[in-house]
Amino acid sequence: MTLETAAKPADWTGAAAILFDLDGVLTPTATVHERAWQELFDGYLASHPEVPGYRESDYFDHIDGKPRFDGVRDFLASRGITLPEGPLDDDPANETVHGLGNRKNAVFNDIVSAGVEPFEGSVRFLEAALARGLKVAVVSSSRNAPAVLEAAGLSRHFPVVVDGVVAAEQGLPGKPSPATYEYAAKLLDLSSPECVVVEDAVSGVQAGRAGSFHSVIGVDRGAGRQTLLDAGATLVVNDLQELIP
């Protein structure tokens, strides 16, 4: 698939499925994640004035697309901070990797509980893919993917969801490893070369590129077109509706 011809149906030759990231691709919940991460680290770093505060660029540099606890570790590492892991279900009040991750999750769920409106262009692209007979799946680092899909009214379309919970249960490394995408292809009874990956995060694009997938569509929701191309995207669009003939 090339940038110039990506919207033509013939360019889907050989593809049998679309594997969608969720946050930032199907739903605008990436912005909710950004807000939740900023609230988390603004609060945490308030008691650490000796290190630089949280910046908007930190989300894309250290967090975007990664499993939640990896995001905590990588951001803290960028500030030279190491915390104990704590138990997986650690109290959100505790200053551990899992405690901070669970605190962020509580903030995220409070915001999402008000409802989620999916991207209109992404819904149209999804409907077009289904109309062509393509299989679809969601592959998300988030442990909240089923709840977000339900809130967005999209859960009925996705019998296969590989999220952070599934990844942990199966012992799959998170993005930028291609393992979760490869597992989704397996659940669809397809090979990786038959599946198109759709991602907005650098780590997700890297995951798609690392596997032998049909192609990797980057959706620029803020990471930057060239950044996604450099990460391995086959093409980059601002909205998935651009790919509908």
Protein backbone atom coordinates (compact mmCIF):
# COMPACT_ATOMS: atom_id res chain seq x y z
CA MET A 1 0.00 0.00 0.00
CA THR A 2 1.39 3.39 -0.93
CA LEU A 3 0.42 6.85 0.20
CA GLU A 4 -0.78 7.80 -3.28
CA THR A 5 -3.04 4.78 -3.76
CA ALA A 6 -3.97 3.83 -0.22
CA ALA A 7 -7.63 4.80 -0.61
CA LYS A 8 -8.23 2.46 -3.54
CA PRO A 9 -9.96 -0.85 -2.69
CA ALA A 10 -7.49 -2.76 -4.90
CA ASP A 11 -4.71 -1.81 -2.50
CA TRP A 12 -6.31 -4.02 0.15
CA THR A 13 -5.45 -7.11 -1.88
CA GLY A 14 -4.14 -9.76 0.47
CA ALA A 15 -5.60 -8.16 3.58
CA ALA A 16 -8.23 -10.12 5.50
CA ALA A 17 -8.41 -8.10 8.74
CA ILE A 18 -7.88 -4.70 10.31
CA LEU A 19 -6.28 -4.61 13.76
CA PHE A 20 -7.17 -1.32 15.44
CA ASP A 21 -5.52 0.38 18.34
CA LEU A 22 -8.24 1.96 20.47
CA ASP A 23 -7.26 5.19 22.20
CA GLY A 24 -6.62 7.87 19.58
CA VAL A 25 -7.64 5.62 16.68
CA LEU A 26 -11.26 4.63 17.30
CA THR A 27 -12.00 6.90 20.25
CA PRO A 28 -10.64 10.26 21.44
CA THR A 29 -9.78 8.71 24.78
CA ALA A 30 -6.09 9.39 24.13
CA THR A 31 -6.82 12.94 25.22
CA VAL A 32 -8.48 11.56 28.35
CA HIS A 33 -5.36 9.49 29.03
CA GLU A 34 -3.23 12.60 28.55
CA ARG A 35 -5.34 14.50 31.09
CA ALA A 36 -5.21 11.63 33.56
CA TRP A 37 -1.43 11.23 33.24
CA GLN A 38 -0.87 14.96 33.68
CA GLU A 39 -3.08 15.05 36.78
CA LEU A 40 -1.21 12.07 38.19
CA PHE A 41 2.29 13.40 37.65
CA ASP A 42 1.50 17.03 38.45
CA GLY A 43 0.34 15.80 41.84
CA TYR A 44 3.23 13.40 42.36
CA LEU A 45 5.97 15.81 41.27
CA ALA A 46 4.60 18.58 43.47
CA SER A 47 6.50 16.91 46.31
CA HIS A 48 9.64 16.60 44.14
CA PRO A 49 10.50 20.21 43.22
CA GLU A 50 14.08 19.21 42.49
CA VAL A 51 13.06 17.52 39.20
CA PRO A 52 11.45 19.09 36.09
CA GLY A 53 7.66 19.13 36.12
CA TYR A 54 5.40 17.23 33.75
CA ARG A 55 5.33 18.58 30.18
CA GLU A 56 2.89 17.84 27.37
CA SER A 57 5.70 16.28 25.33
CA ASP A 58 6.28 13.72 28.09
CA TYR A 59 3.12 11.88 27.06
CA PHE A 60 4.43 11.19 23.54
CA ASP A 61 8.04 10.73 24.63
CA HIS A 62 7.55 8.27 27.48
CA ILE A 63 3.94 7.07 27.84
CA ASP A 64 1.82 6.99 24.68
CA GLY A 65 0.82 3.49 23.54
CA LYS A 66 2.59 1.62 26.32
CA PRO A 67 1.08 -0.58 29.03
CA ARG A 68 0.15 1.64 31.98
CA PHE A 69 2.82 0.49 34.42
CA ASP A 70 5.51 0.72 31.72
CA GLY A 71 4.42 4.32 31.23
CA VAL A 72 4.87 5.00 34.94
CA ARG A 73 8.34 3.41 34.97
CA ASP A 74 9.53 5.14 31.81
CA PHE A 75 8.33 8.58 32.85
CA LEU A 76 9.88 8.25 36.30
CA ALA A 77 13.12 7.03 34.72
CA SER A 78 13.18 10.18 32.60
CA ARG A 79 13.32 12.11 35.86
CA GLY A 80 15.87 9.80 37.47
CA ILE A 81 13.29 8.40 39.89
CA THR A 82 13.01 4.72 40.82
CA LEU A 83 10.13 3.47 42.95
CA PRO A 84 9.33 0.01 44.36
CA GLU A 85 6.92 -1.97 42.23
CA GLY A 86 4.34 -2.73 44.92
CA PRO A 87 1.63 -5.37 44.42
CA LEU A 88 -0.37 -5.28 41.18
CA ASP A 89 -3.49 -4.13 43.06
CA ASP A 90 -1.59 -1.63 45.22
CA ASP A 91 -3.54 1.19 46.86
CA PRO A 92 -3.63 4.26 44.55
CA ALA A 93 -2.49 6.34 47.51
CA ASN A 94 0.86 4.51 47.66
CA GLU A 95 3.94 5.86 45.90
CA THR A 96 4.86 2.69 44.06
CA VAL A 97 4.83 1.90 40.34
CA HIS A 98 1.57 0.00 40.66
CA GLY A 99 0.11 2.47 43.14
CA LEU A 100 0.69 5.40 40.78
CA GLY A 101 -0.58 3.38 37.82
CA ASN A 102 -3.76 2.53 39.70
CA ARG A 103 -4.18 6.17 40.71
CA LYS A 104 -4.00 7.19 37.07
CA ASN A 105 -6.55 4.50 36.17
CA ALA A 106 -9.01 5.82 38.77
CA VAL A 107 -8.76 9.32 37.29
CA PHE A 108 -9.25 7.93 33.76
CA ASN A 109 -12.33 5.92 34.72
CA ASP A 110 -13.91 8.92 36.42
CA ILE A 111 -13.63 10.88 33.17
CA VAL A 112 -14.75 8.04 30.87
CA SER A 113 -17.82 7.26 33.00
CA ALA A 114 -19.46 10.33 31.47
CA GLY A 115 -19.45 8.60 28.06
CA VAL A 116 -17.21 8.35 24.99
CA GLU A 117 -17.94 9.61 21.48
CA PRO A 118 -15.96 7.68 18.84
CA PHE A 119 -14.26 9.43 15.93
CA GLU A 120 -16.84 9.72 13.15
CA GLY A 121 -14.30 9.06 10.40
CA SER A 122 -13.02 5.97 12.20
CA VAL A 123 -16.54 4.57 12.54
CA ARG A 124 -17.10 5.07 8.81
CA PHE A 125 -13.80 3.36 8.04
CA LEU A 126 -14.74 0.47 10.36
CA GLU A 127 -18.12 0.12 8.66
CA ALA A 128 -16.44 0.15 5.24
CA ALA A 129 -14.01 -2.57 6.33
CA LEU A 130 -16.85 -4.74 7.65
CA ALA A 131 -18.82 -4.17 4.44
CA ARG A 132 -15.83 -5.53 2.49
CA GLY A 133 -15.95 -8.67 4.62
CA LEU A 134 -12.77 -7.92 6.55
CA LYS A 135 -12.41 -9.20 10.09
CA VAL A 136 -11.60 -6.67 12.81
CA ALA A 137 -10.03 -6.69 16.26
CA VAL A 138 -8.90 -4.17 18.86
CA VAL A 139 -5.35 -4.34 20.21
CA SER A 140 -4.82 -1.92 23.07
CA SER A 141 -2.29 -1.54 25.86
CA SER A 142 -5.08 -0.24 28.07
CA ARG A 143 -6.72 -2.49 30.63
CA ASN A 144 -9.90 -0.43 30.12
CA ALA A 145 -10.47 -1.30 26.47
CA PRO A 146 -13.72 -3.30 26.91
CA ALA A 147 -15.24 -0.54 29.05
CA VAL A 148 -14.24 2.16 26.55
CA LEU A 149 -15.63 0.15 23.62
CA GLU A 150 -18.90 -0.32 25.52
CA ALA A 151 -19.09 3.40 26.40
CA ALA A 152 -18.48 4.27 22.73
CA GLY A 153 -21.12 1.82 21.46
CA LEU A 154 -18.56 -0.18 19.47
CA SER A 155 -18.19 -3.38 21.47
CA ARG A 156 -20.61 -5.35 19.25
CA HIS A 157 -18.22 -5.02 16.32
CA PHE A 158 -15.22 -6.53 18.07
CA PRO A 159 -15.44 -10.20 19.13
CA VAL A 160 -11.64 -10.10 19.58
CA VAL A 161 -10.12 -7.59 21.99
CA VAL A 162 -6.50 -7.99 23.09
CA ASP A 163 -5.97 -5.49 25.89
CA GLY A 164 -3.63 -5.08 28.83
CA VAL A 165 -5.48 -7.73 30.83
CA VAL A 166 -5.23 -10.32 28.05
CA ALA A 167 -1.57 -9.47 27.49
CA ALA A 168 -0.81 -10.05 31.17
CA GLU A 169 -2.75 -13.32 31.24
CA GLN A 170 -0.93 -14.60 28.14
CA GLY A 171 2.48 -13.28 29.20
CA LEU A 172 2.72 -11.05 26.12
CA PRO A 173 5.12 -8.10 26.12
CA GLY A 174 3.52 -4.74 25.39
CA LYS A 175 4.10 -2.45 22.44
CA PRO A 176 6.55 -1.79 20.78
CA SER A 177 6.73 -5.59 20.71
CA PRO A 178 4.43 -6.96 17.98
CA ALA A 179 3.29 -9.79 20.29
CA THR A 180 -0.20 -8.45 21.09
CA TYR A 181 -0.95 -7.78 17.43
CA GLU A 182 0.33 -11.21 16.47
CA TYR A 183 -1.89 -12.76 19.14
CA ALA A 184 -4.94 -10.91 17.79
CA ALA A 185 -4.19 -12.26 14.30
CA LYS A 186 -3.97 -15.75 15.77
CA LEU A 187 -7.36 -15.35 17.49
CA LEU A 188 -8.82 -14.36 14.11
CA ASP A 189 -7.29 -17.51 12.57
CA LEU A 190 -5.17 -15.37 10.28
CA SER A 191 -1.48 -14.85 9.61
CA SER A 192 0.20 -11.51 10.29
CA PRO A 193 0.70 -10.72 6.56
CA GLU A 194 -3.09 -10.85 6.17
CA CYS A 195 -3.64 -8.12 8.78
CA VAL A 196 -3.42 -4.33 8.56
CA VAL A 197 -2.38 -2.51 11.75
CA VAL A 198 -3.88 0.93 12.50
CA GLU A 199 -2.06 3.01 15.14
CA ASP A 200 -1.61 6.58 16.36
CA ALA A 201 1.25 5.99 18.82
CA VAL A 202 4.92 5.67 17.96
CA SER A 203 5.28 2.52 20.06
CA GLY A 204 2.25 1.01 18.33
CA VAL A 205 3.56 1.80 14.86
CA GLN A 206 6.88 0.28 15.87
CA ALA A 207 4.98 -2.83 17.00
CA GLY A 208 3.25 -3.10 13.64
CA ARG A 209 6.50 -2.56 11.78
CA ALA A 210 8.31 -5.18 13.89
CA GLY A 211 5.83 -7.84 12.81
CA SER A 212 5.32 -9.13 9.29
CA PHE A 213 1.98 -7.36 8.84
CA HIS A 214 0.32 -6.43 5.56
CA SER A 215 0.83 -2.71 6.29
CA VAL A 216 0.79 -0.16 9.11
CA ILE A 217 -1.53 2.84 8.88
CA GLY A 218 -0.53 5.73 11.11
CA VAL A 219 -3.19 8.17 12.30
CA ASP A 220 -1.68 11.50 13.28
CA ARG A 221 -3.44 12.66 16.45
CA GLY A 222 -0.45 14.66 17.64
CA ALA A 223 2.62 12.44 17.34
CA GLY A 224 3.46 14.00 13.97
CA ARG A 225 3.27 12.62 10.45
CA GLN A 226 7.01 12.35 9.91
CA THR A 227 7.53 10.84 13.36
CA LEU A 228 5.05 8.06 12.55
CA LEU A 229 6.64 7.48 9.14
CA ASP A 230 10.06 7.30 10.75
CA ALA A 231 8.67 4.76 13.24
CA GLY A 232 7.66 2.52 10.33
CA ALA A 233 4.18 3.55 9.19
CA THR A 234 3.37 2.58 5.61
CA LEU A 235 1.33 5.76 5.30
CA VAL A 236 -0.07 8.40 7.64
CA VAL A 237 -3.48 10.07 7.56
CA ASN A 238 -5.13 12.68 9.75
CA ASP A 239 -8.44 10.81 9.71
CA LEU A 240 -9.28 7.27 8.63
CA GLN A 241 -12.12 8.59 6.49
CA GLU A 242 -9.39 9.64 4.03
CA LEU A 243 -8.96 5.94 3.16
CA ILE A 244 -12.59 5.42 2.14
CA PRO A 245 -12.99 5.67 -1.67
